[in-house]
Amino acid sequence: MSTREAIVKGLIRRRYAHHASMPGREWGGEVRARHAGYTSDQLSALPANVVETWAGCGNVIAGADLHQADVIVDIGAGGGLDARLACGLAKSGTQVIAIDLTPEMLALESDRQTGLMCSAGDMEQLPLGNAICDLVIANAAFNLALDPARAFAEVWRILVPGGRLHICELVRDGELPAELLADP
């Protein structure tokens, strides 16, 4: 990893670690999740700190056909809102693996439900074997990849043949100003 990559990933970790320590005070996770299409029933079934730290951009669970998957990986899982919902909506026995760059976000999963496993890891070098899952979900995660092609290659590596990727993502339309591009 280059020095620049290490600096940027360190900044990302610090930002989300700070966010994990102050749920809802900066981003208003519950309000944003409702606007993204999560139902009141879905959100009320989850711990408040998980809901308030949500930093996604859409309802990645909607339309994700979770019943066909034996193993689901949530990349950029944060506090685990989507991973927890996947556990509750998937068929019995489905294993859900939540991966996030920031251990402090995953620590919000301290009262994990059955079928949920958490692991700190980088989406550009996933800590998983080849062809281990049927479905990868990611909610506003790939925009944080420094090398999106490498991150997508990692997804294809962990998916079984015929596996699926279901994402909600932020998309940039046009060029960023030079001062933003120069700022890690």
Protein backbone atom coordinates (compact mmCIF):
# COMPACT_ATOMS: atom_id res chain seq x y z
CA MET A 1 0.00 0.00 0.00
CA SER A 2 1.37 3.40 -0.93
CA THR A 3 1.80 6.19 1.59
CA ARG A 4 -1.09 8.11 0.02
CA GLU A 5 -3.36 5.05 0.24
CA ALA A 6 -2.41 4.55 3.89
CA ILE A 7 -3.14 8.20 4.67
CA VAL A 8 -6.53 8.19 2.94
CA LYS A 9 -7.61 4.88 4.48
CA GLY A 10 -6.48 6.18 7.88
CA LEU A 11 -8.64 9.28 7.38
CA ILE A 12 -11.62 7.11 6.42
CA ARG A 13 -11.13 4.91 9.50
CA ARG A 14 -10.88 7.95 11.79
CA ARG A 15 -14.01 9.57 10.32
CA TYR A 16 -16.11 6.44 10.77
CA ALA A 17 -14.60 5.65 14.18
CA HIS A 18 -15.67 9.13 15.28
CA HIS A 19 -19.09 8.55 13.76
CA ALA A 20 -19.43 5.25 15.65
CA SER A 21 -18.72 7.03 18.93
CA MET A 22 -21.40 9.70 18.30
CA PRO A 23 -24.32 7.93 16.59
CA GLY A 24 -26.86 10.19 14.96
CA ARG A 25 -25.33 13.47 16.03
CA GLU A 26 -23.80 14.17 12.65
CA TRP A 27 -25.70 12.27 9.96
CA GLY A 28 -29.15 11.54 11.37
CA GLY A 29 -29.09 7.87 10.41
CA GLU A 30 -32.73 7.08 11.18
CA VAL A 31 -34.10 10.03 9.20
CA ARG A 32 -31.82 9.24 6.27
CA ALA A 33 -32.72 5.52 6.38
CA ARG A 34 -36.44 6.32 6.28
CA HIS A 35 -35.88 8.59 3.27
CA ALA A 36 -33.94 5.76 1.62
CA GLY A 37 -36.95 3.45 1.88
CA TYR A 38 -36.44 1.42 5.04
CA THR A 39 -39.73 0.83 6.83
CA SER A 40 -40.56 1.82 10.39
CA ASP A 41 -40.92 -1.88 11.24
CA GLN A 42 -37.45 -2.65 9.90
CA LEU A 43 -35.80 0.20 11.77
CA SER A 44 -37.66 -0.27 15.06
CA ALA A 45 -36.52 -3.91 15.20
CA LEU A 46 -32.86 -2.82 15.33
CA PRO A 47 -30.77 -1.32 18.14
CA ALA A 48 -30.88 2.50 18.04
CA ASN A 49 -27.09 2.85 17.74
CA VAL A 50 -27.09 0.65 14.63
CA VAL A 51 -29.84 2.72 13.01
CA GLU A 52 -28.32 6.08 13.98
CA THR A 53 -24.89 5.23 12.56
CA TRP A 54 -26.33 4.17 9.20
CA ALA A 55 -24.47 5.98 6.41
CA GLY A 56 -25.86 4.32 3.29
CA CYS A 57 -27.57 5.93 0.32
CA GLY A 58 -30.43 3.56 -0.46
CA ASN A 59 -32.31 0.46 0.66
CA VAL A 60 -29.90 -2.22 -0.56
CA ILE A 61 -32.07 -4.97 0.93
CA ALA A 62 -35.10 -4.08 -1.21
CA GLY A 63 -35.21 -6.43 -4.18
CA ALA A 64 -32.08 -8.32 -3.14
CA ASP A 65 -33.77 -11.80 -3.17
CA LEU A 66 -32.09 -12.94 0.04
CA HIS A 67 -33.93 -16.28 0.08
CA GLN A 68 -31.69 -17.75 -2.62
CA ALA A 69 -28.43 -17.15 -0.72
CA ASP A 70 -26.64 -19.50 1.67
CA VAL A 71 -23.88 -16.95 2.40
CA ILE A 72 -24.29 -13.16 2.14
CA VAL A 73 -21.39 -10.72 2.49
CA ASP A 74 -22.09 -7.07 3.37
CA ILE A 75 -19.13 -4.96 2.27
CA GLY A 76 -18.76 -1.63 4.04
CA ALA A 77 -21.27 -2.85 6.61
CA GLY A 78 -20.69 -0.05 9.10
CA GLY A 79 -22.76 -0.63 12.23
CA GLY A 80 -24.59 -3.47 10.52
CA LEU A 81 -28.06 -2.21 9.60
CA ASP A 82 -28.18 -4.04 6.27
CA ALA A 83 -26.40 -7.13 7.60
CA ARG A 84 -28.86 -7.43 10.49
CA LEU A 85 -31.84 -7.00 8.17
CA ALA A 86 -30.37 -9.63 5.83
CA CYS A 87 -30.14 -12.06 8.76
CA GLY A 88 -33.78 -11.52 9.58
CA LEU A 89 -35.03 -11.75 6.01
CA ALA A 90 -32.88 -14.56 4.61
CA LYS A 91 -33.83 -18.21 4.82
CA SER A 92 -33.01 -20.10 7.98
CA GLY A 93 -29.36 -21.10 8.19
CA THR A 94 -28.04 -18.35 5.93
CA GLN A 95 -24.66 -17.01 7.11
CA VAL A 96 -24.22 -13.23 6.86
CA ILE A 97 -20.71 -11.78 7.01
CA ALA A 98 -20.38 -8.05 7.74
CA ILE A 99 -17.07 -6.53 6.65
CA ASP A 100 -15.99 -2.98 7.38
CA LEU A 101 -12.71 -1.07 7.34
CA THR A 102 -13.48 0.45 10.75
CA PRO A 103 -13.45 -1.90 13.76
CA GLU A 104 -15.28 0.71 15.86
CA MET A 105 -18.27 0.49 13.54
CA LEU A 106 -18.30 -3.30 13.78
CA ALA A 107 -18.11 -3.02 17.58
CA LEU A 108 -21.71 -1.74 17.43
CA GLU A 109 -22.54 -5.35 16.58
CA SER A 110 -21.75 -6.45 20.15
CA ASP A 111 -25.19 -8.04 20.55
CA ARG A 112 -24.99 -9.93 17.27
CA GLN A 113 -27.85 -12.08 16.22
CA THR A 114 -27.54 -15.69 15.11
CA GLY A 115 -26.14 -16.07 11.63
CA LEU A 116 -24.12 -12.81 11.68
CA MET A 117 -20.34 -12.75 11.68
CA CYS A 118 -18.29 -9.53 11.63
CA SER A 119 -14.79 -8.98 10.32
CA ALA A 120 -12.65 -5.88 9.95
CA GLY A 121 -11.29 -5.72 6.44
CA ASP A 122 -10.55 -3.68 3.36
CA MET A 123 -12.84 -4.14 0.34
CA GLU A 124 -9.77 -3.96 -1.89
CA GLN A 125 -8.30 -7.01 -0.13
CA LEU A 126 -11.17 -8.96 1.39
CA PRO A 127 -10.29 -11.34 4.25
CA LEU A 128 -12.29 -14.18 2.66
CA GLY A 129 -11.59 -17.19 0.48
CA ASN A 130 -12.48 -17.62 -3.16
CA ALA A 131 -16.05 -18.44 -4.22
CA ILE A 132 -17.53 -18.45 -0.71
CA CYS A 133 -20.77 -16.48 -1.09
CA ASP A 134 -23.90 -16.31 -3.22
CA LEU A 135 -24.67 -12.64 -2.67
CA VAL A 136 -22.65 -9.52 -1.93
CA ILE A 137 -24.48 -6.39 -0.78
CA ALA A 138 -22.87 -2.97 -0.47
CA ASN A 139 -24.52 0.31 0.51
CA ALA A 140 -22.53 3.45 -0.36
CA ALA A 141 -19.26 1.57 0.05
CA PHE A 142 -17.53 1.45 -3.34
CA ASN A 143 -17.29 5.25 -3.50
CA LEU A 144 -14.73 4.93 -0.68
CA ALA A 145 -12.53 2.51 -2.62
CA LEU A 146 -9.25 4.06 -3.70
CA ASP A 147 -9.05 1.46 -6.48
CA PRO A 148 -12.65 0.59 -7.44
CA ALA A 149 -11.50 -1.93 -10.08
CA ARG A 150 -9.57 -3.84 -7.40
CA ALA A 151 -12.59 -3.71 -5.04
CA PHE A 152 -14.91 -5.10 -7.74
CA ALA A 153 -12.32 -7.78 -8.61
CA GLU A 154 -12.40 -8.84 -4.96
CA VAL A 155 -16.19 -9.13 -5.09
CA TRP A 156 -16.03 -11.34 -8.18
CA ARG A 157 -13.33 -13.44 -6.47
CA ILE A 158 -15.48 -14.21 -3.40
CA LEU A 159 -18.71 -14.83 -5.33
CA VAL A 160 -19.56 -18.37 -6.41
CA PRO A 161 -20.22 -18.81 -10.15
CA GLY A 162 -23.65 -17.30 -10.76
CA GLY A 163 -23.44 -15.27 -7.54
CA ARG A 164 -24.91 -11.78 -7.41
CA LEU A 165 -23.82 -8.28 -6.41
CA HIS A 166 -26.57 -5.95 -5.15
CA ILE A 167 -25.48 -2.36 -4.47
CA CYS A 168 -26.76 1.13 -3.80
CA GLU A 169 -24.08 3.66 -4.59
CA LEU A 170 -23.27 7.33 -4.85
CA VAL A 171 -22.36 8.28 -8.41
CA ARG A 172 -20.41 11.35 -9.47
CA ASP A 173 -21.57 13.08 -12.62
CA GLY A 174 -18.77 15.24 -13.97
CA GLU A 175 -15.33 16.15 -12.77
CA LEU A 176 -14.45 17.04 -9.19
CA PRO A 177 -12.75 20.38 -8.58
CA ALA A 178 -8.94 20.15 -8.43
CA GLU A 179 -8.87 21.24 -4.75
CA LEU A 180 -11.05 18.27 -3.79
CA LEU A 181 -8.97 15.84 -5.81
CA ALA A 182 -5.80 17.09 -4.08
CA ASP A 183 -7.27 16.69 -0.57
CA PRO A 184 -6.99 13.16 0.85
